[in-house]
Amino acid sequence: MKTAVIPQIRVEPELRADLDAALLPGETLTEFVESSVRRAVEFRRVQRDFAARCDASLAAYERTGISIPSDVVLSKLEAKVAARVKQLRK
């Protein structure tokens, strides 16, 4: 597959200096930019998917009037957090 080029952008000298200072040893500016763009694209995809699930959930509630009580949702979230904390402490 052929690669595509991301357009060049102009930045203030201070930002460029900060960017150069943020590079890891051996890391190139190109690698940093590519990594940053990939993370930003993934973040936006996750945001978009989350919003779509929220919209679908709201539509289902408006259609049926059935919802999950907040205490049930919170207890499930607390259980997930506790399980993750336990996993990280191993």
C-alpha atoms as a PDB file:
ATOM      1  CA  MET A   1       0.000   0.000   0.000  1.00  0.00           C
ATOM      2  CA  LYS A   2       1.268   3.446  -0.845  1.00  0.00           C
ATOM      3  CA  THR A   3       1.741   5.863   1.989  1.00  0.00           C
ATOM      4  CA  ALA A   4       0.113   9.276   2.153  1.00  0.00           C
ATOM      5  CA  VAL A   5       1.640  12.541   3.287  1.00  0.00           C
ATOM      6  CA  ILE A   6       0.218  14.611   6.128  1.00  0.00           C
ATOM      7  CA  PRO A   7       0.372  18.317   5.282  1.00  0.00           C
ATOM      8  CA  GLN A   8       3.104  20.400   6.835  1.00  0.00           C
ATOM      9  CA  ILE A   9       2.014  22.869   9.463  1.00  0.00           C
ATOM     10  CA  ARG A  10       3.628  26.047  10.670  1.00  0.00           C
ATOM     11  CA  VAL A  11       4.087  26.439  14.406  1.00  0.00           C
ATOM     12  CA  GLU A  12       5.577  29.050  16.667  1.00  0.00           C
ATOM     13  CA  PRO A  13       9.273  28.579  17.468  1.00  0.00           C
ATOM     14  CA  GLU A  14       8.401  28.027  21.138  1.00  0.00           C
ATOM     15  CA  LEU A  15       6.133  25.096  20.283  1.00  0.00           C
ATOM     16  CA  ARG A  16       8.803  23.576  18.051  1.00  0.00           C
ATOM     17  CA  ALA A  17      11.355  23.916  20.859  1.00  0.00           C
ATOM     18  CA  ASP A  18       8.938  22.260  23.298  1.00  0.00           C
ATOM     19  CA  LEU A  19       8.349  19.491  20.772  1.00  0.00           C
ATOM     20  CA  ASP A  20      12.055  18.886  20.275  1.00  0.00           C
ATOM     21  CA  ALA A  21      12.518  18.769  24.054  1.00  0.00           C
ATOM     22  CA  ALA A  22       9.694  16.224  24.378  1.00  0.00           C
ATOM     23  CA  LEU A  23      11.222  13.732  21.948  1.00  0.00           C
ATOM     24  CA  LEU A  24      12.535  10.551  23.519  1.00  0.00           C
ATOM     25  CA  PRO A  25      16.153   9.577  22.912  1.00  0.00           C
ATOM     26  CA  GLY A  26      16.411   8.263  19.347  1.00  0.00           C
ATOM     27  CA  GLU A  27      12.847   9.311  18.486  1.00  0.00           C
ATOM     28  CA  THR A  28      12.356  11.331  15.338  1.00  0.00           C
ATOM     29  CA  LEU A  29       9.923  14.151  14.828  1.00  0.00           C
ATOM     30  CA  THR A  30       8.176  12.039  12.176  1.00  0.00           C
ATOM     31  CA  GLU A  31       7.715   9.152  14.619  1.00  0.00           C
ATOM     32  CA  PHE A  32       6.371  11.507  17.266  1.00  0.00           C
ATOM     33  CA  VAL A  33       3.894  13.131  14.885  1.00  0.00           C
ATOM     34  CA  GLU A  34       2.702   9.788  13.510  1.00  0.00           C
ATOM     35  CA  SER A  35       2.226   8.387  17.009  1.00  0.00           C
ATOM     36  CA  SER A  36       0.381  11.516  18.126  1.00  0.00           C
ATOM     37  CA  VAL A  37      -1.913  11.476  15.105  1.00  0.00           C
ATOM     38  CA  ARG A  38      -2.689   7.771  15.597  1.00  0.00           C
ATOM     39  CA  ARG A  39      -3.600   8.366  19.260  1.00  0.00           C
ATOM     40  CA  ALA A  40      -5.748  11.385  18.392  1.00  0.00           C
ATOM     41  CA  VAL A  41      -7.587   9.449  15.674  1.00  0.00           C
ATOM     42  CA  GLU A  42      -8.211   6.534  18.057  1.00  0.00           C
ATOM     43  CA  PHE A  43      -9.418   8.932  20.775  1.00  0.00           C
ATOM     44  CA  ARG A  44     -11.872  10.538  18.367  1.00  0.00           C
ATOM     45  CA  ARG A  45     -13.102   7.095  17.248  1.00  0.00           C
ATOM     46  CA  VAL A  46     -13.700   6.085  20.870  1.00  0.00           C
ATOM     47  CA  GLN A  47     -15.525   9.379  21.519  1.00  0.00           C
ATOM     48  CA  ARG A  48     -17.697   8.921  18.424  1.00  0.00           C
ATOM     49  CA  ASP A  49     -18.547   5.310  19.349  1.00  0.00           C
ATOM     50  CA  PHE A  50     -19.381   6.334  22.915  1.00  0.00           C
ATOM     51  CA  ALA A  51     -21.688   9.102  21.702  1.00  0.00           C
ATOM     52  CA  ALA A  52     -23.404   6.647  19.346  1.00  0.00           C
ATOM     53  CA  ARG A  53     -23.997   4.201  22.220  1.00  0.00           C
ATOM     54  CA  CYS A  54     -25.356   7.054  24.367  1.00  0.00           C
ATOM     55  CA  ASP A  55     -27.721   8.135  21.602  1.00  0.00           C
ATOM     56  CA  ALA A  56     -28.916   4.549  21.073  1.00  0.00           C
ATOM     57  CA  SER A  57     -29.434   4.068  24.804  1.00  0.00           C
ATOM     58  CA  LEU A  58     -31.417   7.289  25.107  1.00  0.00           C
ATOM     59  CA  ALA A  59     -33.532   6.368  22.086  1.00  0.00           C
ATOM     60  CA  ALA A  60     -34.263   2.942  23.598  1.00  0.00           C
ATOM     61  CA  TYR A  61     -35.266   4.552  26.892  1.00  0.00           C
ATOM     62  CA  GLU A  62     -37.510   7.075  25.148  1.00  0.00           C
ATOM     63  CA  ARG A  63     -39.105   4.265  23.143  1.00  0.00           C
ATOM     64  CA  THR A  64     -39.616   1.794  26.020  1.00  0.00           C
ATOM     65  CA  GLY A  65     -39.414   3.828  29.218  1.00  0.00           C
ATOM     66  CA  ILE A  66     -37.184   1.087  30.643  1.00  0.00           C
ATOM     67  CA  SER A  67     -33.851   2.056  32.171  1.00  0.00           C
ATOM     68  CA  ILE A  68     -31.228   0.613  34.484  1.00  0.00           C
ATOM     69  CA  PRO A  69     -31.302   2.143  37.977  1.00  0.00           C
ATOM     70  CA  SER A  70     -28.285   4.298  38.796  1.00  0.00           C
ATOM     71  CA  ASP A  71     -27.344   2.215  41.854  1.00  0.00           C
ATOM     72  CA  VAL A  72     -27.037  -0.870  39.624  1.00  0.00           C
ATOM     73  CA  VAL A  73     -24.869   1.013  37.127  1.00  0.00           C
ATOM     74  CA  LEU A  74     -22.652   2.417  39.883  1.00  0.00           C
ATOM     75  CA  SER A  75     -22.212  -0.960  41.576  1.00  0.00           C
ATOM     76  CA  LYS A  76     -21.168  -2.523  38.244  1.00  0.00           C
ATOM     77  CA  LEU A  77     -18.667   0.284  37.663  1.00  0.00           C
ATOM     78  CA  GLU A  78     -17.295  -0.055  41.194  1.00  0.00           C
ATOM     79  CA  ALA A  79     -16.866  -3.809  40.667  1.00  0.00           C
ATOM     80  CA  LYS A  80     -14.959  -3.175  37.427  1.00  0.00           C
ATOM     81  CA  VAL A  81     -12.687  -0.668  39.151  1.00  0.00           C
ATOM     82  CA  ALA A  82     -12.071  -3.036  42.080  1.00  0.00           C
ATOM     83  CA  ALA A  83     -11.241  -5.901  39.707  1.00  0.00           C
ATOM     84  CA  ARG A  84      -8.805  -3.733  37.766  1.00  0.00           C
ATOM     85  CA  VAL A  85      -7.132  -2.461  40.945  1.00  0.00           C
ATOM     86  CA  LYS A  86      -6.752  -6.062  42.122  1.00  0.00           C
ATOM     87  CA  GLN A  87      -5.273  -7.044  38.755  1.00  0.00           C
ATOM     88  CA  LEU A  88      -2.791  -4.159  38.806  1.00  0.00           C
ATOM     89  CA  ARG A  89      -1.635  -4.981  42.341  1.00  0.00           C
ATOM     90  CA  LYS A  90      -0.526  -8.495  41.341  1.00  0.00           C
END
